[in-house]
Amino acid sequence: MSELTKFEEQILLSVWKLKDEAYGTTIYQNIQKVTGKELAIGGVYFPLERLVKKGYLHAVRGEPTPIRGGQSKRYYRLSKEGVQALMDSKKTHEEFWKDLPEFKYSTEK
């Protein structure tokens, strides 16, 4: 299993959180809400497809809707491998944060 990028991790966590409402726009909105950063909505779709190809996500088409001009949404679900990748990432983060000494700010240049 390859390590996740920070953005891939945010996407997978968003899919997990959004459950049955995880599609491009809601994933984008969740990441923007949590990070407070302005993102280009199109910037979410390439990593989503990469995560599907890696086997971390499953993609399914919803029903076409008149609101979307007959287009269907593409919904994403975490795979078992996606959950494992997130658990591995969490463990790595926890190891780095564990037993850190107190940080002292220096006024020297």
C-alpha atoms as a PDB file:
ATOM      1  CA  MET A   1       0.000   0.000   0.000  1.00  0.00           C
ATOM      2  CA  SER A   2       1.356   3.428  -0.916  1.00  0.00           C
ATOM      3  CA  GLU A   3       1.289   6.343   1.500  1.00  0.00           C
ATOM      4  CA  LEU A   4      -1.529   8.812   1.111  1.00  0.00           C
ATOM      5  CA  THR A   5      -0.902  12.440   0.296  1.00  0.00           C
ATOM      6  CA  LYS A   6      -2.458  14.926   2.697  1.00  0.00           C
ATOM      7  CA  PHE A   7      -5.133  15.790   0.123  1.00  0.00           C
ATOM      8  CA  GLU A   8      -5.911  12.119  -0.576  1.00  0.00           C
ATOM      9  CA  GLU A   9      -6.320  11.588   3.160  1.00  0.00           C
ATOM     10  CA  GLN A  10      -8.702  14.561   3.345  1.00  0.00           C
ATOM     11  CA  ILE A  11     -10.722  13.139   0.448  1.00  0.00           C
ATOM     12  CA  LEU A  12     -10.971   9.666   2.000  1.00  0.00           C
ATOM     13  CA  LEU A  13     -11.929  11.096   5.394  1.00  0.00           C
ATOM     14  CA  SER A  14     -14.577  13.260   3.716  1.00  0.00           C
ATOM     15  CA  VAL A  15     -16.023  10.233   1.912  1.00  0.00           C
ATOM     16  CA  TRP A  16     -16.139   8.354   5.211  1.00  0.00           C
ATOM     17  CA  LYS A  17     -17.838  11.266   6.975  1.00  0.00           C
ATOM     18  CA  LEU A  18     -20.355  11.986   4.206  1.00  0.00           C
ATOM     19  CA  LYS A  19     -21.446   8.337   3.872  1.00  0.00           C
ATOM     20  CA  ASP A  20     -24.244   8.123   1.255  1.00  0.00           C
ATOM     21  CA  GLU A  21     -23.833  11.787   0.254  1.00  0.00           C
ATOM     22  CA  ALA A  22     -20.194  11.530  -0.875  1.00  0.00           C
ATOM     23  CA  TYR A  23     -19.929  12.912  -4.400  1.00  0.00           C
ATOM     24  CA  GLY A  24     -17.595  15.470  -5.943  1.00  0.00           C
ATOM     25  CA  THR A  25     -19.326  18.650  -4.768  1.00  0.00           C
ATOM     26  CA  THR A  26     -20.021  17.518  -1.189  1.00  0.00           C
ATOM     27  CA  ILE A  27     -16.478  16.188  -0.814  1.00  0.00           C
ATOM     28  CA  TYR A  28     -15.132  19.515  -2.094  1.00  0.00           C
ATOM     29  CA  GLN A  29     -17.387  21.459   0.303  1.00  0.00           C
ATOM     30  CA  ASN A  30     -16.389  19.350   3.302  1.00  0.00           C
ATOM     31  CA  ILE A  31     -12.665  19.787   2.648  1.00  0.00           C
ATOM     32  CA  GLN A  32     -13.112  23.521   2.160  1.00  0.00           C
ATOM     33  CA  LYS A  33     -15.167  23.798   5.378  1.00  0.00           C
ATOM     34  CA  VAL A  34     -12.676  21.846   7.486  1.00  0.00           C
ATOM     35  CA  THR A  35      -9.481  23.409   6.097  1.00  0.00           C
ATOM     36  CA  GLY A  36     -10.829  26.922   5.541  1.00  0.00           C
ATOM     37  CA  LYS A  37      -8.945  27.001   2.241  1.00  0.00           C
ATOM     38  CA  GLU A  38     -10.303  28.059  -1.130  1.00  0.00           C
ATOM     39  CA  LEU A  39     -10.027  25.170  -3.553  1.00  0.00           C
ATOM     40  CA  ALA A  40     -10.791  24.761  -7.214  1.00  0.00           C
ATOM     41  CA  ILE A  41     -13.674  22.302  -7.407  1.00  0.00           C
ATOM     42  CA  GLY A  42     -12.113  20.622 -10.422  1.00  0.00           C
ATOM     43  CA  GLY A  43      -9.050  19.842  -8.325  1.00  0.00           C
ATOM     44  CA  VAL A  44     -11.002  17.193  -6.421  1.00  0.00           C
ATOM     45  CA  TYR A  45     -11.925  15.011  -9.389  1.00  0.00           C
ATOM     46  CA  PHE A  46      -8.465  13.872 -10.519  1.00  0.00           C
ATOM     47  CA  PRO A  47      -7.469  12.657  -7.024  1.00  0.00           C
ATOM     48  CA  LEU A  48     -10.865  10.957  -6.670  1.00  0.00           C
ATOM     49  CA  GLU A  49     -10.221   8.966  -9.830  1.00  0.00           C
ATOM     50  CA  ARG A  50      -6.672   8.165  -8.703  1.00  0.00           C
ATOM     51  CA  LEU A  51      -8.073   6.811  -5.412  1.00  0.00           C
ATOM     52  CA  VAL A  52     -10.559   4.665  -7.341  1.00  0.00           C
ATOM     53  CA  LYS A  53      -7.713   3.276  -9.480  1.00  0.00           C
ATOM     54  CA  LYS A  54      -5.656   2.543  -6.358  1.00  0.00           C
ATOM     55  CA  GLY A  55      -8.627   0.579  -5.001  1.00  0.00           C
ATOM     56  CA  TYR A  56      -9.222   2.886  -2.011  1.00  0.00           C
ATOM     57  CA  LEU A  57     -12.635   4.037  -3.269  1.00  0.00           C
ATOM     58  CA  HIS A  58     -15.529   2.508  -5.174  1.00  0.00           C
ATOM     59  CA  ALA A  59     -17.480   4.778  -7.532  1.00  0.00           C
ATOM     60  CA  VAL A  60     -21.139   4.225  -8.409  1.00  0.00           C
ATOM     61  CA  ARG A  61     -23.510   6.225 -10.579  1.00  0.00           C
ATOM     62  CA  GLY A  62     -26.673   7.570  -9.023  1.00  0.00           C
ATOM     63  CA  GLU A  63     -29.970   8.004 -10.814  1.00  0.00           C
ATOM     64  CA  PRO A  64     -30.158  10.752 -13.464  1.00  0.00           C
ATOM     65  CA  THR A  65     -31.999  13.830 -12.231  1.00  0.00           C
ATOM     66  CA  PRO A  66     -33.824  16.579 -14.134  1.00  0.00           C
ATOM     67  CA  ILE A  67     -32.052  19.200 -11.997  1.00  0.00           C
ATOM     68  CA  ARG A  68     -28.734  18.059 -13.471  1.00  0.00           C
ATOM     69  CA  GLY A  69     -30.086  17.963 -17.026  1.00  0.00           C
ATOM     70  CA  GLY A  70     -30.455  14.198 -16.948  1.00  0.00           C
ATOM     71  CA  GLN A  71     -26.923  13.680 -15.648  1.00  0.00           C
ATOM     72  CA  SER A  72     -26.286  11.344 -12.743  1.00  0.00           C
ATOM     73  CA  LYS A  73     -23.992  12.000  -9.793  1.00  0.00           C
ATOM     74  CA  ARG A  74     -21.002   9.782  -9.208  1.00  0.00           C
ATOM     75  CA  TYR A  75     -21.010   8.648  -5.585  1.00  0.00           C
ATOM     76  CA  TYR A  76     -17.937   7.361  -3.776  1.00  0.00           C
ATOM     77  CA  ARG A  77     -17.615   4.727  -1.068  1.00  0.00           C
ATOM     78  CA  LEU A  78     -14.585   3.683   0.931  1.00  0.00           C
ATOM     79  CA  SER A  79     -13.219   0.244   0.185  1.00  0.00           C
ATOM     80  CA  LYS A  80     -11.641  -2.040   2.762  1.00  0.00           C
ATOM     81  CA  GLU A  81      -8.250  -0.966   1.360  1.00  0.00           C
ATOM     82  CA  GLY A  82      -9.221   2.697   1.740  1.00  0.00           C
ATOM     83  CA  VAL A  83     -10.093   2.221   5.400  1.00  0.00           C
ATOM     84  CA  GLN A  84      -6.794   0.379   5.946  1.00  0.00           C
ATOM     85  CA  ALA A  85      -4.868   3.193   4.248  1.00  0.00           C
ATOM     86  CA  LEU A  86      -6.522   5.699   6.597  1.00  0.00           C
ATOM     87  CA  MET A  87      -5.774   3.569   9.660  1.00  0.00           C
ATOM     88  CA  ASP A  88      -2.132   3.262   8.568  1.00  0.00           C
ATOM     89  CA  SER A  89      -1.956   7.027   8.035  1.00  0.00           C
ATOM     90  CA  LYS A  90      -3.492   7.701  11.460  1.00  0.00           C
ATOM     91  CA  LYS A  91      -1.001   5.360  13.121  1.00  0.00           C
ATOM     92  CA  THR A  92       1.906   7.128  11.397  1.00  0.00           C
ATOM     93  CA  HIS A  93       0.606  10.548  12.494  1.00  0.00           C
ATOM     94  CA  GLU A  94       0.207   9.361  16.076  1.00  0.00           C
ATOM     95  CA  GLU A  95       3.761   7.992  16.113  1.00  0.00           C
ATOM     96  CA  PHE A  96       5.163  11.327  14.949  1.00  0.00           C
ATOM     97  CA  TRP A  97       3.148  13.271  17.539  1.00  0.00           C
ATOM     98  CA  LYS A  98       3.926  10.888  20.388  1.00  0.00           C
ATOM     99  CA  ASP A  99       6.457  11.971  23.027  1.00  0.00           C
ATOM    100  CA  LEU A 100       7.330  15.295  21.449  1.00  0.00           C
ATOM    101  CA  PRO A 101       9.318  17.538  23.775  1.00  0.00           C
ATOM    102  CA  GLU A 102       7.788  20.857  24.751  1.00  0.00           C
ATOM    103  CA  PHE A 103       8.444  23.406  22.037  1.00  0.00           C
ATOM    104  CA  LYS A 104      10.253  26.557  23.159  1.00  0.00           C
ATOM    105  CA  TYR A 105      10.036  29.601  20.952  1.00  0.00           C
ATOM    106  CA  SER A 106      13.311  31.300  20.296  1.00  0.00           C
ATOM    107  CA  THR A 107      13.588  35.065  19.903  1.00  0.00           C
ATOM    108  CA  GLU A 108      17.001  34.689  18.302  1.00  0.00           C
ATOM    109  CA  LYS A 109      17.405  34.909  14.540  1.00  0.00           C
END
